[in-house]
Amino acid sequence: MSKERFTTFFKDLQTTICSGLEMADGKGKFSSDQWEREEGGGGLTRVMTGGQVFEKAGVNFSAVHGQLNESIRKSLGIEASGFYATGVSIVIHPVSPHVPIIHMNVRYFELENGERWFGGGIDLTPHYIVEEDARFFHGILKDVCDKHSPSYYLKFREWADNYFFIPHRNETRGIGGIFFDRLKETDEFTIDQRFDFVKDVGNTFLKAYVPLVEKNKHKAFSKQEKNWQLLRRGRYVEFNLVYDKGTRFGLETNGRIESILMSLPELASWQYNVKPEPGSLEEHTAKLLKKGIFWV
């Protein structure tokens, strides 16, 4: 029954988060798009566009099953091909450059041979990095991690730094957060304890994000700041299309393209050889897009 229990949690989490985001926006509403995957399973994609706070918000639930192709089995280092995967994936692109992009994914993966694990993470991509906000965000995540293991935060924070990194730009996608994968049952942790941690991460999303939205959504912004936002979105697109494992997994398992690419913003920009003005807020942010910053 574990598989069904995990799936039900992710379904309910999608509903809770969509309701919370609609309240934070005050105008936008999520549309719902039920879909089925030919090879097995399906999901519910919920998207808000044209909100007064969120330009595009995607909250995707999926529960899919079938056979893994050889390239995926090789990349995962597994031999079994039959699988079941379920989870929730979220990406929010706000209207204002003062409100950060946020991403969260929490998921469960099971193989036909009985091997099973949890994975996921949550990270923040401010267009303009504000140290106070970064400390708040990481403080929330550290509290969640510390509740379950004193080793989780440092380990998962470093994992996020390394995962959400754009090698060809030599910069991080944002200020990181936590990232984890292959959380299996061990001598130290039962599968239910792993699940309790994943539940707490999922339920932390609104607590970690909505206060930042409320703090920053009414700030005025200039054309220059909007232009910088579009450039930062461009870097976000580069990461998701080139490096993100979830995107690659979805494409290689014949997933639903609209749901896979919901993480991309409606508008982004690429300009040639952009260099921030010395002493500007843009330069300040660029200097902080690096690994190894301990916000808390």
Protein backbone atom coordinates (compact mmCIF):
# COMPACT_ATOMS: atom_id res chain seq x y z
CA MET A 1 0.00 0.00 0.00
CA SER A 2 3.00 2.34 0.28
CA LYS A 3 2.86 3.32 -3.36
CA GLU A 4 -0.77 4.36 -3.12
CA ARG A 5 -0.14 6.25 0.13
CA PHE A 6 2.73 8.21 -1.38
CA THR A 7 0.73 8.98 -4.50
CA THR A 8 -2.23 10.28 -2.48
CA PHE A 9 0.04 12.62 -0.54
CA PHE A 10 1.46 14.12 -3.73
CA LYS A 11 -2.05 14.61 -5.17
CA ASP A 12 -3.17 16.42 -2.03
CA LEU A 13 0.01 18.49 -1.93
CA GLN A 14 -0.70 19.80 -5.42
CA THR A 15 -4.14 20.98 -4.32
CA THR A 16 -2.83 22.65 -1.16
CA ILE A 17 -0.05 24.51 -2.97
CA CYS A 18 -2.30 25.71 -5.79
CA SER A 19 -4.77 27.10 -3.26
CA GLY A 20 -1.98 28.88 -1.38
CA LEU A 21 -0.55 30.41 -4.56
CA GLU A 22 -3.98 31.63 -5.69
CA MET A 23 -4.39 33.40 -2.35
CA ALA A 24 -0.93 34.96 -2.66
CA ASP A 25 -1.69 36.18 -6.19
CA GLY A 26 -5.15 37.52 -5.40
CA LYS A 27 -6.33 37.38 -9.01
CA GLY A 28 -4.92 34.46 -11.00
CA LYS A 29 -6.52 31.03 -11.01
CA PHE A 30 -5.08 27.69 -11.98
CA SER A 31 -6.44 25.85 -14.98
CA SER A 32 -6.41 22.05 -14.79
CA ASP A 33 -5.29 19.71 -17.53
CA GLN A 34 -5.74 15.98 -16.94
CA TRP A 35 -3.55 13.84 -19.17
CA GLU A 36 -2.74 10.21 -19.82
CA ARG A 37 0.53 8.63 -20.88
CA GLU A 38 0.23 6.01 -23.58
CA GLU A 39 2.83 3.74 -21.95
CA GLY A 40 1.07 3.88 -18.58
CA GLY A 41 -0.22 6.36 -16.02
CA GLY A 42 -0.75 10.07 -16.37
CA GLY A 43 -1.18 13.15 -14.29
CA LEU A 44 -2.76 16.53 -13.66
CA THR A 45 -1.00 19.69 -14.79
CA ARG A 46 -2.21 22.93 -13.24
CA VAL A 47 -1.02 26.24 -14.67
CA MET A 48 -1.70 29.87 -13.81
CA THR A 49 -0.93 32.55 -16.39
CA GLY A 50 -1.62 36.26 -16.32
CA GLY A 51 -1.83 36.63 -12.56
CA GLN A 52 -1.11 39.95 -10.92
CA VAL A 53 1.87 38.43 -9.05
CA PHE A 54 2.66 35.28 -11.02
CA GLU A 55 3.22 35.58 -14.74
CA LYS A 56 3.38 31.80 -15.05
CA ALA A 57 3.00 29.24 -12.29
CA GLY A 58 3.05 25.51 -12.96
CA VAL A 59 2.22 22.80 -10.44
CA ASN A 60 2.39 19.33 -11.97
CA PHE A 61 1.35 16.01 -10.44
CA SER A 62 2.19 12.77 -12.19
CA ALA A 63 2.02 9.04 -11.54
CA VAL A 64 3.50 7.06 -14.41
CA HIS A 65 4.64 3.49 -14.96
CA GLY A 66 6.05 1.30 -17.70
CA GLN A 67 9.45 0.19 -18.96
CA LEU A 68 12.68 2.17 -18.85
CA ASN A 69 14.74 2.23 -22.00
CA GLU A 70 18.37 1.19 -22.03
CA SER A 71 19.82 4.71 -21.91
CA ILE A 72 17.87 5.59 -18.76
CA ARG A 73 18.74 2.30 -17.07
CA LYS A 74 22.38 2.99 -17.82
CA SER A 75 22.23 6.57 -16.51
CA LEU A 76 20.53 5.38 -13.31
CA GLY A 77 22.90 2.44 -12.94
CA ILE A 78 20.10 -0.12 -12.72
CA GLU A 79 19.16 -3.31 -14.54
CA ALA A 80 15.43 -3.56 -13.83
CA SER A 81 13.26 -1.89 -16.46
CA GLY A 82 9.76 -1.88 -14.96
CA PHE A 83 9.12 1.27 -12.92
CA TYR A 84 6.55 3.41 -11.13
CA ALA A 85 7.18 7.08 -10.46
CA THR A 86 5.01 9.70 -8.82
CA GLY A 87 5.52 13.21 -7.51
CA VAL A 88 4.90 16.91 -7.73
CA SER A 89 7.00 19.44 -9.63
CA ILE A 90 6.60 23.21 -9.29
CA VAL A 91 8.13 26.22 -11.03
CA ILE A 92 6.93 29.79 -10.44
CA HIS A 93 7.90 32.75 -12.65
CA PRO A 94 6.68 36.01 -11.08
CA VAL A 95 5.82 39.29 -12.78
CA SER A 96 8.13 41.40 -10.63
CA PRO A 97 11.92 41.09 -10.80
CA HIS A 98 11.89 41.60 -7.02
CA VAL A 99 9.99 38.35 -6.45
CA PRO A 100 12.19 35.28 -6.92
CA ILE A 101 11.65 32.25 -9.11
CA ILE A 102 11.14 29.11 -7.06
CA HIS A 103 11.32 25.43 -7.95
CA MET A 104 10.36 22.37 -5.96
CA ASN A 105 10.19 18.71 -6.83
CA VAL A 106 9.32 15.85 -4.50
CA ARG A 107 9.05 12.38 -5.93
CA TYR A 108 8.97 8.63 -5.32
CA PHE A 109 10.49 6.02 -7.62
CA GLU A 110 9.97 2.26 -7.52
CA LEU A 111 11.43 -0.57 -9.61
CA GLU A 112 9.91 -3.94 -10.41
CA ASN A 113 12.65 -5.65 -8.36
CA GLY A 114 11.42 -3.90 -5.19
CA GLU A 115 14.11 -1.21 -5.08
CA ARG A 116 12.57 2.14 -4.14
CA TRP A 117 13.59 5.61 -3.08
CA PHE A 118 12.59 9.27 -2.67
CA GLY A 119 14.18 12.27 -4.30
CA GLY A 120 13.62 15.96 -4.79
CA GLY A 121 14.55 19.35 -3.51
CA ILE A 122 13.63 23.00 -3.35
CA ASP A 123 15.68 25.95 -4.55
CA LEU A 124 15.33 29.69 -5.03
CA THR A 125 16.43 31.81 -7.99
CA PRO A 126 16.21 35.51 -7.17
CA HIS A 127 16.66 37.91 -10.05
CA TYR A 128 18.24 40.20 -7.46
CA ILE A 129 19.87 38.47 -4.50
CA VAL A 130 18.91 39.99 -1.14
CA GLU A 131 20.94 38.49 1.69
CA GLU A 132 18.13 38.81 4.23
CA ASP A 133 15.78 36.85 1.99
CA ALA A 134 18.43 34.21 1.28
CA ARG A 135 19.00 33.72 5.01
CA PHE A 136 15.25 33.39 5.62
CA PHE A 137 14.84 30.80 2.87
CA HIS A 138 17.81 28.70 3.91
CA GLY A 139 16.85 28.99 7.57
CA ILE A 140 13.46 27.43 6.84
CA LEU A 141 15.09 24.56 4.94
CA LYS A 142 17.69 23.97 7.64
CA ASP A 143 14.96 23.71 10.28
CA VAL A 144 13.16 21.08 8.20
CA CYS A 145 16.36 19.10 7.63
CA ASP A 146 17.48 19.30 11.27
CA LYS A 147 14.15 17.89 12.39
CA HIS A 148 15.00 14.63 10.63
CA SER A 149 18.79 14.37 10.75
CA PRO A 150 21.67 16.65 11.80
CA SER A 151 23.51 15.61 8.63
CA TYR A 152 20.76 16.45 6.13
CA TYR A 153 21.13 20.20 5.67
CA LEU A 154 24.86 20.44 5.00
CA LYS A 155 24.80 17.39 2.75
CA PHE A 156 21.71 18.41 0.78
CA ARG A 157 22.74 22.08 0.58
CA GLU A 158 26.04 21.09 -1.02
CA TRP A 159 24.21 18.70 -3.34
CA ALA A 160 21.96 21.57 -4.46
CA ASP A 161 24.98 23.81 -5.07
CA ASN A 162 26.49 21.18 -7.33
CA TYR A 163 23.25 20.22 -9.06
CA PHE A 164 21.86 23.69 -9.77
CA PHE A 165 25.05 24.84 -11.45
CA ILE A 166 25.48 26.03 -15.04
CA PRO A 167 28.97 24.86 -16.06
CA HIS A 168 29.11 26.74 -19.34
CA ARG A 169 28.38 29.98 -17.44
CA ASN A 170 30.40 29.03 -14.36
CA GLU A 171 27.59 30.21 -12.13
CA THR A 172 24.84 28.77 -9.96
CA ARG A 173 21.24 29.06 -11.06
CA GLY A 174 20.39 31.03 -7.95
CA ILE A 175 21.04 30.77 -4.21
CA GLY A 176 20.44 27.02 -4.12
CA GLY A 177 18.50 25.28 -1.39
CA ILE A 178 18.48 21.53 -0.84
CA PHE A 179 18.60 18.64 -3.27
CA PHE A 180 18.54 14.90 -2.57
CA ASP A 181 18.07 11.64 -4.42
CA ARG A 182 18.10 7.90 -3.83
CA LEU A 183 16.84 8.25 -0.24
CA LYS A 184 16.29 4.57 0.41
CA GLU A 185 15.54 2.44 3.43
CA THR A 186 18.74 1.89 5.41
CA ASP A 187 19.82 0.67 8.84
CA GLU A 188 19.46 4.28 9.99
CA PHE A 189 16.21 5.26 8.23
CA THR A 190 13.03 3.36 7.44
CA ILE A 191 11.16 4.14 4.23
CA ASP A 192 8.46 5.81 6.35
CA GLN A 193 11.04 8.09 7.94
CA ARG A 194 12.26 9.06 4.49
CA PHE A 195 8.65 9.73 3.53
CA ASP A 196 8.12 11.89 6.63
CA PHE A 197 11.07 14.04 5.55
CA VAL A 198 9.75 14.39 1.99
CA LYS A 199 6.32 15.32 3.34
CA ASP A 200 7.85 18.05 5.49
CA VAL A 201 9.83 19.39 2.52
CA GLY A 202 6.65 19.50 0.43
CA ASN A 203 4.65 21.19 3.17
CA THR A 204 7.42 23.77 3.63
CA PHE A 205 6.96 25.21 0.13
CA LEU A 206 4.33 27.81 1.03
CA LYS A 207 6.03 28.68 4.34
CA ALA A 208 9.32 29.35 2.57
CA TYR A 209 7.95 31.20 -0.47
CA VAL A 210 4.78 33.14 0.36
CA PRO A 211 6.49 35.45 2.91
CA LEU A 212 9.03 36.42 0.24
CA VAL A 213 6.21 37.07 -2.21
CA GLU A 214 4.34 39.25 0.28
CA LYS A 215 7.48 41.17 1.19
CA ASN A 216 8.46 42.00 -2.39
CA LYS A 217 5.41 41.90 -4.68
CA HIS A 218 4.44 45.59 -4.28
CA LYS A 219 7.91 47.02 -4.95
CA ALA A 220 8.13 49.23 -8.00
CA PHE A 221 10.58 48.19 -10.72
CA SER A 222 12.22 49.88 -13.68
CA LYS A 223 12.62 48.88 -17.30
CA GLN A 224 16.27 48.08 -16.56
CA GLU A 225 15.27 45.75 -13.73
CA LYS A 226 12.71 44.04 -15.95
CA ASN A 227 15.35 43.57 -18.61
CA TRP A 228 17.68 41.97 -16.05
CA GLN A 229 14.87 39.64 -15.01
CA LEU A 230 14.48 38.44 -18.61
CA LEU A 231 18.22 37.79 -18.85
CA ARG A 232 18.17 35.78 -15.62
CA ARG A 233 15.22 33.82 -16.93
CA GLY A 234 17.32 33.01 -19.96
CA ARG A 235 19.92 31.38 -17.72
CA TYR A 236 17.10 29.43 -16.05
CA VAL A 237 16.04 28.11 -19.46
CA GLU A 238 19.61 27.12 -20.30
CA PHE A 239 19.88 25.03 -17.15
CA ASN A 240 16.52 23.32 -17.57
CA LEU A 241 17.03 22.38 -21.20
CA VAL A 242 20.69 21.38 -21.00
CA TYR A 243 21.29 19.93 -17.53
CA ASP A 244 18.08 19.18 -15.64
CA LYS A 245 17.72 15.44 -15.12
CA GLY A 246 13.96 15.63 -14.62
CA THR A 247 13.50 17.27 -18.00
CA ARG A 248 15.68 14.65 -19.65
CA PHE A 249 13.86 11.81 -17.87
CA GLY A 250 10.49 13.13 -19.04
CA LEU A 251 11.63 13.50 -22.63
CA GLU A 252 13.29 10.08 -22.73
CA THR A 253 10.24 8.30 -21.27
CA ASN A 254 7.87 9.87 -23.79
CA GLY A 255 6.34 12.13 -21.17
CA ARG A 256 3.84 14.83 -21.92
CA ILE A 257 5.77 17.69 -23.51
CA GLU A 258 3.52 20.51 -22.24
CA SER A 259 3.92 19.29 -18.67
CA ILE A 260 7.67 18.73 -18.98
CA LEU A 261 8.27 22.21 -20.38
CA MET A 262 5.93 24.03 -18.01
CA SER A 263 9.08 25.04 -16.12
CA LEU A 264 9.99 27.50 -18.86
CA PRO A 265 8.93 31.16 -18.60
CA GLU A 266 6.65 32.76 -21.15
CA LEU A 267 9.28 35.43 -21.84
CA ALA A 268 13.07 35.34 -21.54
CA SER A 269 15.97 37.15 -23.14
CA TRP A 270 19.46 36.53 -24.46
CA GLN A 271 21.64 39.53 -25.24
CA TYR A 272 25.18 39.42 -26.51
CA ASN A 273 28.01 39.71 -23.98
CA VAL A 274 26.07 41.42 -21.18
CA LYS A 275 28.27 42.80 -18.42
CA PRO A 276 26.67 44.39 -15.32
CA GLU A 277 27.62 47.95 -14.47
CA PRO A 278 30.32 48.15 -11.78
CA GLY A 279 28.75 48.78 -8.38
CA SER A 280 25.23 47.97 -9.59
CA LEU A 281 22.71 45.65 -7.99
CA GLU A 282 23.07 43.46 -11.05
CA GLU A 283 26.81 43.11 -10.43
CA HIS A 284 26.12 42.39 -6.74
CA THR A 285 23.85 39.51 -7.73
CA ALA A 286 26.28 38.17 -10.34
CA LYS A 287 29.04 38.00 -7.72
CA LEU A 288 26.85 35.86 -5.46
CA LEU A 289 26.01 33.25 -8.11
CA LYS A 290 28.61 30.80 -6.85
CA LYS A 291 28.87 27.63 -4.83
CA GLY A 292 29.77 27.41 -1.18
CA ILE A 293 27.93 30.38 0.31
CA PHE A 294 26.66 29.49 3.78
CA TRP A 295 23.57 31.65 4.20
CA VAL A 296 22.85 30.17 7.62
